[in-house]
Amino acid sequence: MNSTKDNLKERVLKLLDVEIDFVSNRSFNSPDFELETLKGLNFPKSAASNFSMQDKQSQNLSPHLARLCEAEVLSVDEERALFRRMNFLKFKANSLRSQLDPDFPDLEKINAIDLAMHESENIRNYIFRSNMRLVVSIIKKCVTPYITFEDLLSDGIWTLMKAVDKFDYDRGFRFSTYAYRAISNYAYRKIADRKKETTRFTQAPHDRVLEETRDSKRSMMGEQPWEEISSVLTKTIDKLDQREQFIVQGRFALGNFRSIKTFQKLADELGISKERVRQLEQRAVAKLRSMVEDAKYDMLRELAGF
């Protein structure tokens, strides 16, 4: 007997320790609202998904992601009904939880809370799957040389889950509108941060572009020859495109780079393959070699290791 009571007490303490987050609505307190809202908790049967095999192949999605994108798109009425049910179930669970007393556990209330939370989680997952295609469509448009599809996908999924929890169905607009803004804004912020990080060396004054190399090489030669080399490399590297500049800076530990970066590290930061970084480095080096040779700066060739 004591063991059963101890188990119930433990369940109560766990329930009291969990935060139940929901979007409240004044209609939740209406006497008839629960009966109307919770009758028939079967999920809606929308029209079959039109996400064809050709769509999956054209978007190059993994099998798991493609399966998630096969979920049916919700109608306005279905969407509203699901959000209403999900949030009311959480509201109901939260109300029952406030009546719990660990010293006098009520099995009926405990089970009612568990059931309400389980049903609300099922609805949440259903809404999430029904909007996964939206995430894919947004981030496919946001991929840049600075950030990969995979990077944005994980953030897009996380943002969608947060949007499901925060959406107020009673405001009169579609969830897709709310989620689109949330996912897009988060993606754009991440892209901007990555671009700023990747291109930070272009914002440095020219007298800092070769700061690290200058410190290590100046003792090996006179002040005047080094300043001449620094000036020429600064001018020539500006003739490369942004990615080539970034790769050369990283590979030769120039500018804000304090150590030589591997091909893989640069590939991760640029959102491209390691082999592509290698190709871009070869192209950039060839361009610099041509510039140096044309100017007949043998000392620069020695410095850069050409």
Protein backbone atom coordinates (compact mmCIF):
# COMPACT_ATOMS: atom_id res chain seq x y z
CA MET A 1 0.00 0.00 0.00
CA ASN A 2 2.76 2.39 0.98
CA SER A 3 4.68 1.44 -2.15
CA THR A 4 1.69 2.39 -4.35
CA LYS A 5 1.31 5.70 -2.56
CA ASP A 6 5.03 6.40 -2.91
CA ASN A 7 4.84 5.72 -6.64
CA LEU A 8 1.87 8.06 -6.99
CA LYS A 9 3.66 10.72 -4.98
CA GLU A 10 6.67 10.39 -7.28
CA ARG A 11 4.42 10.83 -10.34
CA VAL A 12 2.89 13.94 -8.77
CA LEU A 13 6.31 15.45 -8.06
CA LYS A 14 7.40 14.81 -11.65
CA LEU A 15 4.26 16.48 -13.00
CA LEU A 16 4.76 19.47 -10.73
CA ASP A 17 8.33 19.80 -11.97
CA VAL A 18 7.39 19.96 -15.68
CA GLU A 19 6.57 23.30 -17.30
CA ILE A 20 3.39 23.21 -19.36
CA ASP A 21 3.59 25.90 -22.03
CA PHE A 22 0.39 26.78 -23.89
CA VAL A 23 -1.40 29.70 -25.56
CA SER A 24 -4.41 30.53 -23.43
CA ASN A 25 -7.81 31.57 -24.71
CA ARG A 26 -10.72 33.11 -22.79
CA SER A 27 -13.09 30.52 -24.26
CA PHE A 28 -11.24 27.74 -22.42
CA ASN A 29 -13.22 28.55 -19.27
CA SER A 30 -16.57 28.14 -20.99
CA PRO A 31 -18.59 25.17 -19.56
CA ASP A 32 -19.44 23.80 -23.02
CA PHE A 33 -16.02 24.37 -24.57
CA GLU A 34 -14.43 21.11 -23.43
CA LEU A 35 -17.24 18.93 -24.74
CA GLU A 36 -17.24 20.68 -28.11
CA THR A 37 -13.46 20.78 -28.46
CA LEU A 38 -12.54 17.28 -27.37
CA LYS A 39 -15.26 15.24 -29.05
CA GLY A 40 -13.66 12.97 -31.61
CA LEU A 41 -9.91 13.38 -31.30
CA ASN A 42 -9.24 11.65 -34.62
CA PHE A 43 -6.81 13.50 -36.84
CA PRO A 44 -8.23 15.15 -39.97
CA LYS A 45 -8.28 13.41 -43.33
CA SER A 46 -7.09 16.01 -45.81
CA ALA A 47 -6.61 15.56 -49.50
CA ALA A 48 -3.73 13.29 -50.45
CA SER A 49 -0.31 14.89 -50.56
CA ASN A 50 0.79 16.14 -53.97
CA PHE A 51 4.48 15.88 -53.07
CA SER A 52 5.45 13.50 -55.85
CA MET A 53 8.55 11.35 -56.34
CA GLN A 54 9.74 13.87 -58.91
CA ASP A 55 9.53 16.62 -56.28
CA LYS A 56 11.63 14.56 -53.87
CA GLN A 57 14.29 13.87 -56.47
CA SER A 58 14.41 17.46 -57.70
CA GLN A 59 14.93 18.73 -54.14
CA ASN A 60 17.53 16.01 -53.42
CA LEU A 61 16.04 15.15 -50.03
CA SER A 62 17.08 12.28 -47.80
CA PRO A 63 14.55 9.43 -47.55
CA HIS A 64 13.69 10.38 -43.95
CA LEU A 65 13.15 14.04 -44.81
CA ALA A 66 11.16 13.13 -47.91
CA ARG A 67 8.83 11.00 -45.77
CA LEU A 68 8.26 13.92 -43.41
CA CYS A 69 7.40 16.12 -46.37
CA GLU A 70 4.73 13.67 -47.52
CA ALA A 71 2.41 14.71 -44.67
CA GLU A 72 -0.88 16.22 -45.76
CA VAL A 73 -1.31 19.99 -45.77
CA LEU A 74 -3.97 21.15 -43.33
CA SER A 75 -7.00 23.17 -44.34
CA VAL A 76 -7.86 26.38 -42.47
CA ASP A 77 -10.56 24.64 -40.41
CA GLU A 78 -8.40 21.60 -39.64
CA GLU A 79 -5.49 23.78 -38.58
CA ARG A 80 -7.64 25.90 -36.29
CA ALA A 81 -9.28 22.84 -34.71
CA LEU A 82 -5.94 21.17 -34.01
CA PHE A 83 -4.36 24.24 -32.41
CA ARG A 84 -7.49 24.76 -30.34
CA ARG A 85 -7.45 21.16 -29.11
CA MET A 86 -3.71 21.10 -28.43
CA ASN A 87 -3.72 24.26 -26.34
CA PHE A 88 -6.92 23.38 -24.49
CA LEU A 89 -5.51 19.98 -23.53
CA LYS A 90 -2.45 21.69 -22.09
CA PHE A 91 -4.67 24.20 -20.33
CA LYS A 92 -6.72 21.35 -18.86
CA ALA A 93 -3.58 19.48 -17.75
CA ASN A 94 -2.22 22.61 -16.14
CA SER A 95 -5.49 23.26 -14.30
CA LEU A 96 -5.63 19.70 -12.96
CA ARG A 97 -1.99 19.85 -11.96
CA SER A 98 -2.64 22.91 -9.78
CA GLN A 99 -5.01 20.72 -7.73
CA LEU A 100 -2.45 18.01 -7.00
CA ASP A 101 -1.08 17.44 -3.53
CA PRO A 102 2.00 15.16 -3.26
CA ASP A 103 0.91 14.04 0.22
CA PHE A 104 -2.54 13.04 -1.01
CA PRO A 105 -2.04 11.90 -4.63
CA ASP A 106 -5.19 11.55 -6.73
CA LEU A 107 -4.77 8.73 -9.27
CA GLU A 108 -7.71 9.85 -11.38
CA LYS A 109 -6.30 13.35 -11.81
CA ILE A 110 -2.80 12.04 -12.44
CA ASN A 111 -4.03 9.79 -15.24
CA ALA A 112 -6.17 12.60 -16.69
CA ILE A 113 -3.13 14.88 -16.81
CA ASP A 114 -0.96 12.21 -18.48
CA LEU A 115 -3.67 11.50 -21.06
CA ALA A 116 -4.16 15.21 -21.87
CA MET A 117 -0.41 15.75 -22.29
CA HIS A 118 -0.07 12.64 -24.44
CA GLU A 119 -2.90 13.73 -26.73
CA SER A 120 -1.57 17.28 -26.99
CA GLU A 121 1.88 15.96 -27.94
CA ASN A 122 0.36 13.80 -30.68
CA ILE A 123 -1.42 16.83 -32.11
CA ARG A 124 1.78 18.91 -31.89
CA ASN A 125 3.68 16.27 -33.85
CA TYR A 126 0.92 16.10 -36.45
CA ILE A 127 1.00 19.87 -36.99
CA PHE A 128 4.79 19.76 -37.18
CA ARG A 129 4.83 17.06 -39.87
CA SER A 130 2.15 18.86 -41.85
CA ASN A 131 4.40 21.92 -42.11
CA MET A 132 7.80 20.31 -42.77
CA ARG A 133 7.46 21.00 -46.49
CA LEU A 134 7.26 24.71 -45.64
CA VAL A 135 10.62 24.51 -43.86
CA VAL A 136 12.27 22.84 -46.85
CA SER A 137 10.83 25.33 -49.33
CA ILE A 138 12.10 28.30 -47.27
CA ILE A 139 15.62 27.13 -46.59
CA LYS A 140 16.18 25.91 -50.17
CA LYS A 141 15.90 29.58 -51.14
CA CYS A 142 18.28 30.72 -48.40
CA VAL A 143 21.31 28.52 -49.13
CA THR A 144 24.37 30.65 -49.92
CA PRO A 145 28.13 30.08 -50.28
CA TYR A 146 28.33 30.94 -46.59
CA ILE A 147 25.91 28.37 -45.19
CA THR A 148 24.68 24.91 -46.17
CA PHE A 149 21.23 23.40 -46.54
CA GLU A 150 21.96 21.08 -43.61
CA ASP A 151 22.88 23.98 -41.32
CA LEU A 152 19.66 25.81 -42.12
CA LEU A 153 17.55 22.64 -41.95
CA SER A 154 18.34 21.95 -38.30
CA ASP A 155 17.60 25.57 -37.39
CA GLY A 156 14.44 25.57 -39.49
CA ILE A 157 13.11 22.46 -37.74
CA TRP A 158 13.87 23.94 -34.32
CA THR A 159 12.16 27.22 -35.27
CA LEU A 160 9.10 25.38 -36.60
CA MET A 161 8.72 23.46 -33.34
CA LYS A 162 8.91 26.71 -31.36
CA ALA A 163 6.38 28.32 -33.71
CA VAL A 164 3.89 25.48 -33.12
CA ASP A 165 4.13 26.10 -29.38
CA LYS A 166 3.74 29.89 -29.64
CA PHE A 167 1.09 30.26 -32.37
CA ASP A 168 -2.20 31.87 -31.33
CA TYR A 169 -4.89 30.35 -33.55
CA ASP A 170 -7.41 33.01 -32.50
CA ARG A 171 -5.65 35.91 -34.24
CA GLY A 172 -7.19 35.17 -37.61
CA PHE A 173 -4.22 34.31 -39.83
CA ARG A 174 -2.74 31.04 -41.01
CA PHE A 175 -0.02 29.23 -39.13
CA SER A 176 2.01 29.04 -42.35
CA THR A 177 2.22 32.85 -42.38
CA TYR A 178 3.44 32.92 -38.80
CA ALA A 179 5.90 30.06 -39.32
CA TYR A 180 7.20 31.51 -42.61
CA ARG A 181 8.17 34.75 -40.90
CA ALA A 182 9.76 33.00 -37.93
CA ILE A 183 11.80 30.56 -40.05
CA SER A 184 12.84 33.17 -42.62
CA ASN A 185 13.89 35.71 -40.00
CA TYR A 186 15.97 33.15 -38.14
CA ALA A 187 17.59 31.93 -41.36
CA TYR A 188 18.43 35.46 -42.53
CA ARG A 189 19.97 36.31 -39.16
CA LYS A 190 22.14 33.20 -39.26
CA ILE A 191 23.19 33.89 -42.85
CA ALA A 192 24.10 37.47 -41.97
CA ASP A 193 26.13 36.34 -38.97
CA ARG A 194 27.95 33.69 -41.00
CA LYS A 195 28.64 36.14 -43.84
CA LYS A 196 29.97 38.69 -41.39
CA GLU A 197 32.21 36.07 -39.83
CA THR A 198 33.39 34.77 -43.19
CA THR A 199 34.13 38.13 -44.76
CA ARG A 200 35.43 39.93 -41.68
CA PHE A 201 38.92 40.20 -43.17
CA THR A 202 37.62 42.48 -45.93
CA GLN A 203 36.63 45.06 -43.33
CA ALA A 204 40.12 45.35 -41.83
CA PRO A 205 42.31 48.31 -42.80
CA HIS A 206 44.99 47.48 -45.35
CA ASP A 207 47.73 48.03 -42.80
CA ARG A 208 46.31 45.04 -40.86
CA VAL A 209 45.83 42.60 -43.73
CA LEU A 210 49.27 41.04 -43.26
CA GLU A 211 49.68 41.75 -39.55
CA GLU A 212 50.41 38.20 -38.44
CA THR A 213 52.76 37.38 -41.32
CA ARG A 214 54.51 40.72 -40.97
CA ASP A 215 55.37 40.01 -37.32
CA SER A 216 56.91 36.63 -38.13
CA LYS A 217 58.74 37.63 -41.29
CA ARG A 218 59.97 41.15 -40.52
CA SER A 219 62.93 39.88 -38.49
CA MET A 220 64.14 37.93 -41.55
CA MET A 221 64.53 40.96 -43.79
CA GLY A 222 64.90 44.69 -43.70
CA GLU A 223 61.95 46.99 -43.01
CA GLN A 224 61.81 48.47 -46.52
CA PRO A 225 61.74 45.17 -48.51
CA TRP A 226 59.00 43.80 -46.26
CA GLU A 227 56.83 46.90 -46.65
CA GLU A 228 57.18 46.61 -50.42
CA ILE A 229 56.09 42.96 -50.36
CA SER A 230 53.21 43.74 -48.00
CA SER A 231 52.00 46.49 -50.27
CA VAL A 232 52.10 44.31 -53.39
CA LEU A 233 50.31 41.33 -51.76
CA THR A 234 47.64 43.65 -50.41
CA LYS A 235 47.01 45.02 -53.89
CA THR A 236 47.08 41.68 -55.65
CA ILE A 237 44.87 39.80 -53.20
CA ASP A 238 42.17 42.45 -53.66
CA LYS A 239 41.91 41.30 -57.28
CA LEU A 240 40.67 37.87 -56.18
CA ASP A 241 36.99 37.28 -55.52
CA GLN A 242 35.73 37.08 -51.93
CA ARG A 243 35.94 33.32 -51.58
CA GLU A 244 39.44 33.19 -53.08
CA GLN A 245 40.58 35.94 -50.72
CA PHE A 246 39.11 34.12 -47.74
CA ILE A 247 40.80 30.84 -48.71
CA VAL A 248 44.20 32.44 -49.35
CA GLN A 249 44.00 34.31 -46.05
CA GLY A 250 43.14 31.09 -44.22
CA ARG A 251 45.69 28.87 -45.95
CA PHE A 252 48.58 31.33 -45.40
CA ALA A 253 47.47 32.60 -41.95
CA LEU A 254 47.05 36.17 -43.15
CA GLY A 255 44.89 39.01 -41.82
CA ASN A 256 42.73 37.98 -38.87
CA PHE A 257 43.71 34.32 -39.25
CA ARG A 258 46.20 33.48 -36.52
CA SER A 259 46.97 29.99 -37.78
CA ILE A 260 46.80 28.05 -41.01
CA LYS A 261 43.30 26.65 -41.67
CA THR A 262 42.76 23.18 -43.09
CA PHE A 263 40.78 22.61 -46.26
CA GLN A 264 38.02 21.00 -44.19
CA LYS A 265 37.78 23.94 -41.79
CA LEU A 266 37.48 26.41 -44.66
CA ALA A 267 34.96 24.13 -46.38
CA ASP A 268 32.79 24.08 -43.25
CA GLU A 269 32.85 27.86 -42.96
CA LEU A 270 32.06 28.44 -46.64
CA GLY A 271 29.45 25.70 -46.88
CA ILE A 272 31.15 23.91 -49.78
CA SER A 273 33.10 20.66 -50.19
CA LYS A 274 36.73 20.24 -49.19
CA GLU A 275 37.65 19.40 -52.78
CA ARG A 276 36.02 22.63 -53.97
CA VAL A 277 38.15 24.61 -51.49
CA ARG A 278 41.24 22.88 -52.85
CA GLN A 279 40.27 23.83 -56.41
CA LEU A 280 39.61 27.44 -55.43
CA GLU A 281 42.96 27.65 -53.66
CA GLN A 282 44.75 26.36 -56.76
CA ARG A 283 42.94 28.90 -58.90
CA ALA A 284 43.73 31.75 -56.51
CA VAL A 285 47.38 30.76 -56.22
CA ALA A 286 47.65 30.62 -60.00
CA LYS A 287 46.22 34.12 -60.26
CA LEU A 288 48.60 35.47 -57.61
CA ARG A 289 51.56 33.72 -59.23
CA SER A 290 50.74 35.34 -62.54
CA MET A 291 50.45 38.77 -60.92
CA VAL A 292 53.69 38.33 -59.04
CA GLU A 293 55.59 37.06 -62.04
CA ASP A 294 54.33 39.90 -64.18
CA ALA A 295 55.58 42.36 -61.56
CA LYS A 296 58.83 40.36 -61.18
CA TYR A 297 58.62 40.18 -57.42
CA ASP A 298 60.78 37.15 -56.72
CA MET A 299 60.69 37.86 -53.01
CA LEU A 300 56.94 37.53 -52.93
CA ARG A 301 57.16 34.13 -54.59
CA GLU A 302 59.60 33.02 -51.90
CA LEU A 303 57.36 34.34 -49.10
CA ALA A 304 54.21 32.64 -50.35
CA GLY A 305 56.02 29.41 -51.20
CA PHE A 306 55.18 29.48 -54.93
